[in-house]
Protein backbone atom coordinates (compact mmCIF):
# COMPACT_ATOMS: atom_id res chain seq x y z
CA MET A 1 18.21 -2.47 6.29
CA GLY A 2 15.08 -0.69 5.07
CA VAL A 3 12.06 0.69 6.84
CA SER A 4 9.88 -1.82 8.70
CA LEU A 5 6.23 -2.14 7.71
CA GLU A 6 5.12 -0.82 11.08
CA GLN A 7 7.20 2.31 10.46
CA ALA A 8 5.99 2.57 6.88
CA ALA A 9 2.29 2.55 7.81
CA VAL A 10 0.70 5.93 7.07
CA HIS A 11 -2.39 6.68 9.16
CA ILE A 12 -4.40 8.78 6.74
CA ASP A 13 -7.33 9.29 9.10
CA GLY A 14 -9.00 7.40 11.94
CA ASP A 15 -10.35 4.77 9.55
CA THR A 16 -7.59 4.29 6.97
CA VAL A 17 -3.99 3.10 7.02
CA ALA A 18 -1.88 3.01 3.85
CA PHE A 19 1.29 1.24 2.83
CA TYR A 20 3.14 2.75 -0.13
CA LEU A 21 5.18 0.03 -1.80
CA GLU A 22 7.63 -0.20 -4.66
CA VAL A 23 6.69 -3.30 -6.62
CA PRO A 24 8.22 -4.56 -9.88
CA ARG A 25 5.76 -3.87 -12.68
CA SER A 26 5.54 -7.58 -13.41
CA HIS A 27 4.31 -8.20 -9.82
CA VAL A 28 1.65 -5.49 -9.44
CA VAL A 29 -1.22 -7.67 -10.68
CA LEU A 30 -0.02 -10.54 -8.49
CA LEU A 31 -0.10 -8.21 -5.45
CA GLN A 32 -3.69 -7.31 -6.32
CA VAL A 33 -4.66 -10.98 -6.73
CA TYR A 34 -3.23 -11.92 -3.34
CA PHE A 35 -5.21 -9.17 -1.62
CA GLU A 36 -8.37 -10.27 -3.43
CA LEU A 37 -7.78 -13.77 -2.01
CA TYR A 38 -7.48 -12.29 1.50
CA ASP A 39 -10.91 -10.71 1.13
CA GLY A 40 -11.38 -7.60 3.23
CA VAL A 41 -7.84 -7.30 4.60
CA GLY A 42 -6.79 -4.56 2.21
CA THR A 43 -7.34 -2.89 -1.14
CA VAL A 44 -4.56 -2.34 -3.66
CA ARG A 45 -4.34 0.81 -5.77
CA THR A 46 -1.68 1.35 -8.40
CA LEU A 47 -0.40 4.91 -8.08
CA ASP A 48 2.32 4.91 -10.70
CA GLY A 49 2.33 2.17 -13.30
CA GLU A 50 5.61 3.35 -14.79
CA GLY A 51 7.40 3.52 -11.46
CA ALA A 52 5.45 0.54 -10.09
CA ILE A 53 4.25 2.28 -6.94
CA ALA A 54 1.31 0.56 -5.27
CA CYS A 55 -0.71 1.54 -2.24
CA VAL A 56 -2.35 -1.02 0.05
CA LEU A 57 -5.21 0.49 2.03
CA THR A 58 -6.50 -1.13 5.20
CA THR A 59 -8.15 -0.22 8.49
CA PRO A 60 -6.54 0.13 11.93
CA SER A 61 -8.38 -2.99 13.11
CA LEU A 62 -6.94 -5.04 10.22
CA LEU A 63 -3.46 -3.48 10.29
CA GLN A 64 -1.69 -6.51 11.79
CA ASP A 65 -3.52 -8.88 9.42
CA CYS A 66 -2.45 -6.74 6.46
CA ILE A 67 1.17 -6.75 7.67
CA GLY A 68 0.92 -10.53 8.01
CA VAL A 69 -0.32 -10.88 4.42
CA LEU A 70 2.47 -8.68 3.11
CA HIS A 71 5.08 -10.75 4.94
CA ALA A 72 3.46 -14.01 3.77
CA ILE A 73 3.59 -13.04 0.08
CA LYS A 74 7.04 -11.42 0.13
CA GLU A 75 8.74 -14.41 -1.51
CA HIS A 76 6.23 -14.25 -4.40
CA VAL A 77 5.82 -10.47 -4.72
CA ALA A 78 9.04 -8.50 -4.45
CA TRP A 79 7.79 -5.38 -2.63
CA VAL A 80 9.69 -2.86 -0.52
CA PRO A 81 8.24 0.10 1.39
CA CYS A 82 8.70 3.40 -0.43
CA SER A 83 11.34 5.53 1.22
CA THR A 84 9.13 8.59 0.58
CA ILE A 85 5.43 8.95 -0.15
CA PRO A 86 4.91 9.89 -3.79
CA ALA A 87 3.70 13.46 -4.34
CA GLY A 88 -0.09 13.67 -4.53
CA ALA A 89 -0.53 10.13 -3.19
CA LEU A 90 -2.39 11.02 -0.01
CA PRO A 91 -6.18 11.33 -0.46
CA THR A 92 -6.26 14.58 1.49
CA GLU A 93 -3.89 16.14 -1.07
CA THR A 94 -6.12 14.95 -3.90
CA LEU A 95 -9.21 16.40 -2.22
CA ARG A 96 -7.49 19.74 -1.67
CA LYS A 97 -6.65 19.96 -5.38
CA LYS A 98 -10.32 19.43 -6.34
CA THR A 99 -11.67 22.01 -3.89
CA PRO A 100 -12.38 25.38 -5.59
């Protein structure tokens, strides 16, 4: 059995929680559409279109709602938590690269 969503949640800072998901390329847009329907629960970013890695960003106060949405859409969007966070995926790493 894989990693649970609760274990897969990455607390980036006090305001942001991320889920890094492997999603079939054919389902990435559908994942984005579902989160647009659940307005405000989370935002989807595609990190690697070739490898179909998506990141769902939410807040600590909406964490359980976001987990609920992910479970609710699982039969329509075949996602699994990434076993490792892709290199350069965390915003703090991106910011460090841009700092002179």
